[in-house]
Protein backbone atom coordinates (compact mmCIF):
# COMPACT_ATOMS: atom_id res chain seq x y z
CA UNK A 1 -9.33 40.19 27.51
CA UNK A 2 -7.44 39.51 24.44
CA UNK A 3 -4.39 38.35 26.25
CA UNK A 4 -6.22 35.52 28.63
CA UNK A 5 -8.07 34.41 25.18
CA UNK A 6 -4.70 34.20 23.37
CA UNK A 7 -3.18 32.45 26.49
CA UNK A 8 -5.63 29.97 26.52
CA UNK A 9 -5.33 28.81 22.80
CA UNK A 10 -1.56 28.13 22.97
CA UNK A 11 -2.19 26.32 26.22
CA UNK A 12 -4.50 24.35 23.86
CA UNK A 13 -1.96 24.15 21.45
CA UNK A 14 0.51 22.16 23.87
CA UNK A 15 -1.90 19.75 25.27
CA UNK A 16 -3.25 18.60 21.84
CA UNK A 17 -1.92 15.22 20.46
CA UNK A 18 1.11 16.04 18.49
CA UNK A 19 0.88 13.95 14.57
CA UNK A 20 2.69 10.77 14.70
CA UNK A 21 5.33 10.02 11.36
CA UNK A 22 6.97 7.42 10.54
CA UNK A 23 8.76 6.13 7.73
CA UNK A 24 7.78 2.15 5.93
CA UNK A 25 9.87 -0.45 4.62
CA UNK A 26 8.37 -3.50 4.47
CA UNK A 27 8.10 -6.71 1.76
CA UNK A 28 4.78 -8.02 1.29
CA UNK A 29 5.07 -11.95 0.17
CA UNK A 30 1.81 -12.92 -1.74
CA UNK A 31 0.09 -15.38 -3.77
CA UNK A 32 -2.85 -14.76 -5.55
CA UNK A 33 -5.16 -15.62 -8.74
CA UNK A 34 -5.37 -14.57 -12.21
CA UNK A 35 -8.45 -13.81 -13.97
CA UNK A 36 -7.42 -13.39 -18.12
CA UNK A 37 -9.94 -10.30 -20.19
CA UNK A 38 -7.51 -10.51 -23.19
CA UNK A 39 -4.48 -12.41 -23.87
CA UNK A 40 -3.34 -11.79 -27.88
CA UNK A 41 -0.23 -11.30 -28.94
CA UNK A 42 -0.38 -7.62 -28.36
CA UNK A 43 -2.30 -7.22 -25.41
CA UNK A 44 -2.86 -9.00 -22.22
CA UNK A 45 -5.36 -7.35 -19.57
CA UNK A 46 -5.82 -9.37 -16.60
CA UNK A 47 -7.60 -8.93 -13.22
CA UNK A 48 -6.25 -10.36 -9.73
CA UNK A 49 -6.66 -11.17 -6.21
CA UNK A 50 -4.13 -11.31 -3.60
CA UNK A 51 -3.54 -12.41 -0.10
CA UNK A 52 0.02 -11.46 1.76
CA UNK A 53 1.96 -11.05 4.75
CA UNK A 54 4.06 -7.86 5.81
CA UNK A 55 7.79 -7.87 6.87
CA UNK A 56 9.21 -4.93 8.39
CA UNK A 57 12.71 -3.97 7.32
CA UNK A 58 13.26 -1.55 9.51
CA UNK A 59 13.24 -1.40 13.72
CA UNK A 60 9.10 -1.29 14.97
CA UNK A 61 8.05 -1.34 11.54
CA UNK A 62 4.51 -0.05 11.96
CA UNK A 63 2.89 -2.69 9.10
CA UNK A 64 5.14 -5.75 10.29
CA UNK A 65 2.95 -8.94 10.58
CA UNK A 66 0.01 -7.25 8.70
CA UNK A 67 -2.11 -9.14 6.65
CA UNK A 68 -2.80 -7.74 3.27
CA UNK A 69 -5.63 -8.39 0.45
CA UNK A 70 -5.11 -6.42 -2.93
CA UNK A 71 -6.88 -6.30 -5.89
CA UNK A 72 -5.90 -4.81 -9.24
CA UNK A 73 -6.25 -4.48 -12.90
CA UNK A 74 -2.94 -4.93 -15.18
CA UNK A 75 -2.20 -3.81 -19.03
CA UNK A 76 0.20 -4.82 -20.76
CA UNK A 77 0.87 -3.97 -24.11
CA UNK A 78 3.44 -6.63 -25.51
CA UNK A 79 4.92 -4.54 -28.58
CA UNK A 80 5.32 -1.72 -26.82
CA UNK A 81 8.15 -1.58 -24.26
CA UNK A 82 7.20 0.06 -21.27
CA UNK A 83 3.54 0.89 -21.92
CA UNK A 84 2.26 -1.53 -19.06
CA UNK A 85 0.15 -0.12 -16.57
CA UNK A 86 -2.27 -1.25 -13.58
CA UNK A 87 -3.89 0.26 -10.57
CA UNK A 88 -5.84 -1.35 -7.92
CA UNK A 89 -6.43 -1.37 -3.97
CA UNK A 90 -4.98 -2.89 -0.79
CA UNK A 91 -6.17 -3.64 2.63
CA UNK A 92 -4.07 -4.05 5.35
CA UNK A 93 -5.26 -5.61 8.56
CA UNK A 94 -3.52 -5.69 12.07
CA UNK A 95 -3.51 -8.48 15.04
CA UNK A 96 -6.44 -6.18 16.26
CA UNK A 97 -8.59 -5.76 13.28
CA UNK A 98 -7.91 -2.15 12.43
CA UNK A 99 -6.37 -1.47 9.29
CA UNK A 100 -5.54 0.83 6.23
CA UNK A 101 -6.86 0.83 3.01
CA UNK A 102 -4.01 1.95 -0.11
CA UNK A 103 -4.35 2.84 -3.54
CA UNK A 104 -1.44 1.83 -5.80
CA UNK A 105 -0.70 2.43 -9.31
CA UNK A 106 2.20 1.57 -12.18
CA UNK A 107 3.33 2.78 -15.16
CA UNK A 108 6.39 0.81 -17.06
CA UNK A 109 8.29 0.90 -13.92
CA UNK A 110 7.31 3.99 -12.00
CA UNK A 111 5.29 2.83 -9.10
CA UNK A 112 4.03 4.60 -6.38
CA UNK A 113 1.06 4.09 -3.50
CA UNK A 114 -0.85 6.17 -1.23
CA UNK A 115 -2.93 5.71 2.03
CA UNK A 116 -6.89 6.70 1.38
CA UNK A 117 -8.52 5.28 4.79
CA UNK A 118 -7.51 4.02 7.96
CA UNK A 119 -9.97 2.78 10.68
CA UNK A 120 -9.20 2.37 14.78
CA UNK A 121 -6.00 3.34 15.50
CA UNK A 122 -4.69 4.11 11.89
CA UNK A 123 -8.32 6.46 11.42
CA UNK A 124 -6.55 9.83 9.74
CA UNK A 125 -3.70 7.79 8.23
CA UNK A 126 -2.02 9.61 5.46
CA UNK A 127 0.94 8.93 3.30
CA UNK A 128 2.36 7.70 0.24
CA UNK A 129 5.51 6.21 -1.39
CA UNK A 130 7.05 3.34 -3.84
CA UNK A 131 7.14 0.10 -4.39
CA UNK A 132 8.77 -2.42 -6.15
CA UNK A 133 8.83 -5.88 -7.06
CA UNK A 134 12.23 -7.72 -6.76
CA UNK A 135 11.11 -10.79 -6.49
CA UNK A 136 8.79 -13.16 -8.79
CA UNK A 137 8.56 -16.87 -9.27
CA UNK A 138 7.45 -19.78 -11.15
CA UNK A 139 3.97 -20.14 -10.84
CA UNK A 140 3.01 -23.96 -10.06
CA UNK A 141 -0.53 -24.02 -10.94
CA UNK A 142 -2.22 -22.44 -14.11
CA UNK A 143 -3.98 -18.66 -13.06
CA UNK A 144 -1.67 -18.58 -10.03
CA UNK A 145 0.96 -16.05 -8.92
CA UNK A 146 3.68 -16.12 -6.20
CA UNK A 147 5.79 -12.51 -5.13
CA UNK A 148 7.21 -10.17 -2.84
CA UNK A 149 6.57 -6.76 -3.20
CA UNK A 150 9.20 -4.12 -1.27
CA UNK A 151 7.19 -0.98 -0.19
CA UNK A 152 8.58 1.91 1.13
CA UNK A 153 7.48 5.44 2.08
CA UNK A 154 5.99 7.37 5.28
CA UNK A 155 3.25 7.98 6.76
CA UNK A 156 1.31 10.26 9.50
CA UNK A 157 -1.45 9.72 11.82
CA UNK A 158 -4.14 12.67 12.49
CA UNK A 159 -3.58 13.57 16.43
């Protein structure tokens, strides 16, 4: 009897869907609006909302052409080098309306992100990585910004 239960458990394990894992490497070029909270000589605090589009950098990059919307809060201490901090959230949505939510944070040049939620085909997503901001441009309009962020890391989907 024990042998039958063990065999059935092994067979069921073989039928289970494997966990899908993949690398992430894309740029998100975006624009947004800034709301200043404090703008003194020593301290600059602002909130922002931005919208963008992911552009994959590896073959079949899973987030290529997904829309993104991010919100965040940034603190910059102008007189203390490397003291800048920030955090926030981003939502990615694909052409089917399924999406992911990730949290991001930075302190100085240390910039990380991690998935915290997913819907539809992204249900059960986990993963994390790093990001950088290699492209910034001078804003054409007060209170706005444009930049491109490079996102890298990996993710897994639950079976």
